């Protein structure tokens, strides 16, 4: 069945799905932009505080680790180790 010969309800449903997909894509694009902005801001704040932002915590995976003076620590779970 081609789109032109599809029943009206199918075409309406297809338009609704397309509109939802476009809206979701716009939201995702906005969220990705906001995430990049926050990542840059966190990195700048860390630099100002004399810290570096490390990798995600391997113990809890709920936060990135912070690095300062040879110590890596997770601000979420408190895990610490020396470099």
C-alpha atoms as a PDB file:
ATOM      1  CA  UNK A   1       0.000   0.000   0.000  1.00  0.00           C
ATOM      2  CA  UNK A   2       1.465   3.373  -0.974  1.00  0.00           C
ATOM      3  CA  UNK A   3       1.141   6.408   1.309  1.00  0.00           C
ATOM      4  CA  UNK A   4      -1.381   8.028  -1.039  1.00  0.00           C
ATOM      5  CA  UNK A   5      -3.628   5.007  -1.056  1.00  0.00           C
ATOM      6  CA  UNK A   6      -3.285   4.447   2.707  1.00  0.00           C
ATOM      7  CA  UNK A   7      -6.445   5.047   4.703  1.00  0.00           C
ATOM      8  CA  UNK A   8      -6.845   8.494   6.191  1.00  0.00           C
ATOM      9  CA  UNK A   9      -6.298   7.237   9.760  1.00  0.00           C
ATOM     10  CA  UNK A  10      -2.939   5.705   8.751  1.00  0.00           C
ATOM     11  CA  UNK A  11      -1.788   8.981   7.197  1.00  0.00           C
ATOM     12  CA  UNK A  12      -2.922  10.878  10.284  1.00  0.00           C
ATOM     13  CA  UNK A  13      -1.065   8.432  12.509  1.00  0.00           C
ATOM     14  CA  UNK A  14       2.065   8.744  10.338  1.00  0.00           C
ATOM     15  CA  UNK A  15       1.915  12.554  10.599  1.00  0.00           C
ATOM     16  CA  UNK A  16       1.533  12.312  14.384  1.00  0.00           C
ATOM     17  CA  UNK A  17       4.507   9.959  14.653  1.00  0.00           C
ATOM     18  CA  UNK A  18       6.593  12.218  12.415  1.00  0.00           C
ATOM     19  CA  UNK A  19       5.678  15.273  14.496  1.00  0.00           C
ATOM     20  CA  UNK A  20       6.586  13.456  17.725  1.00  0.00           C
ATOM     21  CA  UNK A  21       9.886  12.320  16.226  1.00  0.00           C
ATOM     22  CA  UNK A  22      10.725  15.862  15.131  1.00  0.00           C
ATOM     23  CA  UNK A  23       9.832  17.246  18.583  1.00  0.00           C
ATOM     24  CA  UNK A  24      11.924  14.556  20.278  1.00  0.00           C
ATOM     25  CA  UNK A  25      14.861  15.297  17.979  1.00  0.00           C
ATOM     26  CA  UNK A  26      14.639  19.006  18.821  1.00  0.00           C
ATOM     27  CA  UNK A  27      14.547  18.215  22.553  1.00  0.00           C
ATOM     28  CA  UNK A  28      17.523  15.859  22.226  1.00  0.00           C
ATOM     29  CA  UNK A  29      19.532  18.481  20.314  1.00  0.00           C
ATOM     30  CA  UNK A  30      18.752  21.068  22.997  1.00  0.00           C
ATOM     31  CA  UNK A  31      19.697  18.663  25.801  1.00  0.00           C
ATOM     32  CA  UNK A  32      22.975  17.754  24.112  1.00  0.00           C
ATOM     33  CA  UNK A  33      23.832  21.436  23.761  1.00  0.00           C
ATOM     34  CA  UNK A  34      23.004  22.048  27.406  1.00  0.00           C
ATOM     35  CA  UNK A  35      25.126  19.058  28.453  1.00  0.00           C
ATOM     36  CA  UNK A  36      28.148  20.392  26.505  1.00  0.00           C
ATOM     37  CA  UNK A  37      27.636  23.799  28.120  1.00  0.00           C
ATOM     38  CA  UNK A  38      27.530  22.260  31.609  1.00  0.00           C
ATOM     39  CA  UNK A  39      30.614  20.120  30.933  1.00  0.00           C
ATOM     40  CA  UNK A  40      32.577  23.220  29.889  1.00  0.00           C
ATOM     41  CA  UNK A  41      31.338  25.111  32.948  1.00  0.00           C
ATOM     42  CA  UNK A  42      32.271  22.307  35.355  1.00  0.00           C
ATOM     43  CA  UNK A  43      35.748  22.044  33.789  1.00  0.00           C
ATOM     44  CA  UNK A  44      36.252  25.809  34.165  1.00  0.00           C
ATOM     45  CA  UNK A  45      35.074  25.807  37.790  1.00  0.00           C
ATOM     46  CA  UNK A  46      37.408  22.888  38.530  1.00  0.00           C
ATOM     47  CA  UNK A  47      40.357  24.756  36.983  1.00  0.00           C
ATOM     48  CA  UNK A  48      39.552  27.824  39.080  1.00  0.00           C
ATOM     49  CA  UNK A  49      39.513  25.616  42.202  1.00  0.00           C
ATOM     50  CA  UNK A  50      42.818  23.945  41.284  1.00  0.00           C
ATOM     51  CA  UNK A  51      41.195  20.613  40.413  1.00  0.00           C
ATOM     52  CA  UNK A  52      40.924  18.465  37.343  1.00  0.00           C
ATOM     53  CA  UNK A  53      37.858  16.501  36.349  1.00  0.00           C
ATOM     54  CA  UNK A  54      38.736  12.844  35.873  1.00  0.00           C
ATOM     55  CA  UNK A  55      36.914   9.847  34.512  1.00  0.00           C
ATOM     56  CA  UNK A  56      33.617   8.474  35.799  1.00  0.00           C
ATOM     57  CA  UNK A  57      33.981   6.802  39.208  1.00  0.00           C
ATOM     58  CA  UNK A  58      34.593   3.087  38.736  1.00  0.00           C
ATOM     59  CA  UNK A  59      33.013   2.322  42.094  1.00  0.00           C
ATOM     60  CA  UNK A  60      29.642   4.133  41.931  1.00  0.00           C
ATOM     61  CA  UNK A  61      29.486   5.493  38.332  1.00  0.00           C
ATOM     62  CA  UNK A  62      27.306   8.374  39.610  1.00  0.00           C
ATOM     63  CA  UNK A  63      29.928  11.112  39.301  1.00  0.00           C
ATOM     64  CA  UNK A  64      33.199  11.942  37.628  1.00  0.00           C
ATOM     65  CA  UNK A  65      36.238  11.806  39.846  1.00  0.00           C
ATOM     66  CA  UNK A  66      38.154  14.907  40.847  1.00  0.00           C
ATOM     67  CA  UNK A  67      41.955  15.069  40.860  1.00  0.00           C
ATOM     68  CA  UNK A  68      44.036  17.282  43.136  1.00  0.00           C
ATOM     69  CA  UNK A  69      47.546  16.979  44.550  1.00  0.00           C
ATOM     70  CA  UNK A  70      48.015  13.389  43.442  1.00  0.00           C
ATOM     71  CA  UNK A  71      44.695  12.248  44.895  1.00  0.00           C
ATOM     72  CA  UNK A  72      41.754  11.001  42.855  1.00  0.00           C
ATOM     73  CA  UNK A  73      38.437  11.072  44.652  1.00  0.00           C
ATOM     74  CA  UNK A  74      34.753  10.742  43.979  1.00  0.00           C
ATOM     75  CA  UNK A  75      32.606  13.487  45.479  1.00  0.00           C
ATOM     76  CA  UNK A  76      29.554  11.206  45.325  1.00  0.00           C
ATOM     77  CA  UNK A  77      30.651   8.029  47.108  1.00  0.00           C
ATOM     78  CA  UNK A  78      33.842   9.239  48.783  1.00  0.00           C
ATOM     79  CA  UNK A  79      36.120   6.707  47.063  1.00  0.00           C
ATOM     80  CA  UNK A  80      39.766   7.890  47.149  1.00  0.00           C
ATOM     81  CA  UNK A  81      43.062   6.671  45.759  1.00  0.00           C
ATOM     82  CA  UNK A  82      46.480   8.136  45.135  1.00  0.00           C
ATOM     83  CA  UNK A  83      47.989   8.486  41.695  1.00  0.00           C
END
